[in-house]
Amino acid sequence: MDLTAFDHHWLLVVSDAAAETPPVPAMDRDAAAGGLGLYLVARICGAHGWTTHRRRKVVWVRIDYTLTEPPPEVVDRLPRPPLEATRCNLSAASSLRKRD
């Protein structure tokens, strides 16, 4: 993991050895098995993406700290989780963030 601070955002970069496996949102399965982080990234980050480098998957996110909410086009990029429990957990996390 690498976190770099800039004037108006942080850049978080993480990697793993599964270069052949792209990040996939949790769809029709329990998000605890993986993929829930993609929904969280879409909700709180100004931009995100991934690539491969030296046989590793590298995922990056830009966390804007001058904005109070992520741009709508970022939030709308990924589909909503189909499982009710996951949607409830995301709603609860979102409401906690708004109270801070």
Protein backbone atom coordinates (compact mmCIF):
# COMPACT_ATOMS: atom_id res chain seq x y z
CA MET A 1 0.00 0.00 0.00
CA ASP A 2 1.19 3.49 -0.82
CA LEU A 3 -0.56 6.72 0.20
CA THR A 4 0.61 10.02 -1.30
CA ALA A 5 -0.74 13.44 -0.31
CA PHE A 6 -1.30 16.17 -2.90
CA ASP A 7 -2.77 19.69 -2.54
CA HIS A 8 -6.42 18.60 -2.72
CA HIS A 9 -6.43 14.81 -2.69
CA TRP A 10 -4.70 11.66 -1.56
CA LEU A 11 -3.65 8.91 -3.95
CA LEU A 12 -3.96 5.42 -2.48
CA VAL A 13 -2.36 2.55 -4.41
CA VAL A 14 -2.64 -1.12 -3.43
CA SER A 15 -1.54 -4.22 -5.27
CA ASP A 16 -1.81 -7.99 -5.11
CA ALA A 17 -0.38 -10.98 -6.95
CA ALA A 18 -3.64 -11.77 -8.81
CA ALA A 19 -2.79 -9.81 -11.97
CA GLU A 20 -4.97 -12.10 -14.10
CA THR A 21 -8.08 -11.40 -11.97
CA PRO A 22 -9.67 -7.97 -12.53
CA PRO A 23 -11.54 -6.24 -9.70
CA VAL A 24 -15.19 -7.34 -9.86
CA PRO A 25 -18.07 -5.80 -7.87
CA ALA A 26 -20.02 -8.20 -5.66
CA MET A 27 -23.02 -9.19 -7.81
CA ASP A 28 -25.46 -11.96 -6.86
CA ARG A 29 -23.18 -13.11 -4.06
CA ASP A 30 -22.28 -12.17 -0.52
CA ALA A 31 -20.05 -9.09 -0.63
CA ALA A 32 -18.07 -10.53 2.28
CA ALA A 33 -16.52 -12.88 -0.32
CA GLY A 34 -14.97 -9.84 -2.01
CA GLY A 35 -16.03 -6.91 -4.17
CA LEU A 36 -17.68 -4.69 -1.53
CA GLY A 37 -14.68 -2.37 -1.57
CA LEU A 38 -15.49 -1.39 -5.15
CA TYR A 39 -18.83 0.05 -4.04
CA LEU A 40 -17.16 1.93 -1.21
CA VAL A 41 -14.51 3.32 -3.57
CA ALA A 42 -17.20 4.49 -6.01
CA ARG A 43 -19.07 6.23 -3.20
CA ILE A 44 -16.17 8.06 -1.57
CA CYS A 45 -13.50 8.60 -4.23
CA GLY A 46 -13.13 11.18 -6.97
CA ALA A 47 -11.59 8.66 -9.37
CA HIS A 48 -10.38 5.08 -9.37
CA GLY A 49 -8.90 2.47 -11.66
CA TRP A 50 -6.57 -0.46 -11.99
CA THR A 51 -3.79 -1.82 -14.18
CA THR A 52 -1.18 -4.55 -14.14
CA HIS A 53 2.49 -3.97 -13.50
CA ARG A 54 5.23 -6.59 -13.24
CA ARG A 55 2.72 -9.45 -12.92
CA ARG A 56 0.78 -7.68 -10.16
CA LYS A 57 -2.68 -6.10 -10.14
CA VAL A 58 -2.41 -2.45 -9.08
CA VAL A 59 -5.56 -0.65 -7.91
CA TRP A 60 -5.56 3.10 -7.30
CA VAL A 61 -8.05 5.59 -5.88
CA ARG A 62 -8.04 9.37 -5.67
CA ILE A 63 -9.58 10.58 -2.43
CA ASP A 64 -10.57 14.23 -2.75
CA TYR A 65 -10.58 16.00 0.59
CA THR A 66 -11.89 19.33 -0.64
CA LEU A 67 -15.26 17.87 -1.69
CA THR A 68 -18.04 16.96 0.72
CA GLU A 69 -19.58 14.38 -1.64
CA PRO A 70 -18.16 12.36 -4.55
CA PRO A 71 -19.18 13.50 -8.03
CA PRO A 72 -22.43 11.80 -9.16
CA GLU A 73 -20.75 10.32 -12.25
CA VAL A 74 -18.37 8.42 -9.96
CA VAL A 75 -21.13 7.12 -7.71
CA ASP A 76 -23.25 6.01 -10.67
CA ARG A 77 -20.42 4.09 -12.39
CA LEU A 78 -20.92 0.83 -10.49
CA PRO A 79 -24.26 -0.97 -10.06
CA ARG A 80 -25.87 -1.13 -6.65
CA PRO A 81 -25.35 -4.40 -4.74
CA PRO A 82 -28.28 -6.76 -5.36
CA LEU A 83 -28.32 -8.20 -1.84
CA GLU A 84 -30.48 -6.30 0.64
CA ALA A 85 -27.99 -6.79 3.51
CA THR A 86 -25.21 -5.19 1.48
CA ARG A 87 -27.42 -2.24 0.48
CA CYS A 88 -28.37 -1.72 4.14
CA ASN A 89 -24.72 -1.77 5.22
CA LEU A 90 -23.80 0.79 2.56
CA SER A 91 -26.69 3.02 3.61
CA ALA A 92 -25.62 2.83 7.24
CA ALA A 93 -22.01 3.67 6.35
CA SER A 94 -23.16 6.60 4.22
CA SER A 95 -25.34 8.03 7.01
CA LEU A 96 -22.47 7.73 9.50
CA ARG A 97 -20.20 9.64 7.14
CA LYS A 98 -22.75 12.47 6.79
CA ARG A 99 -22.92 12.90 10.58
CA ASP A 100 -19.15 13.45 10.90
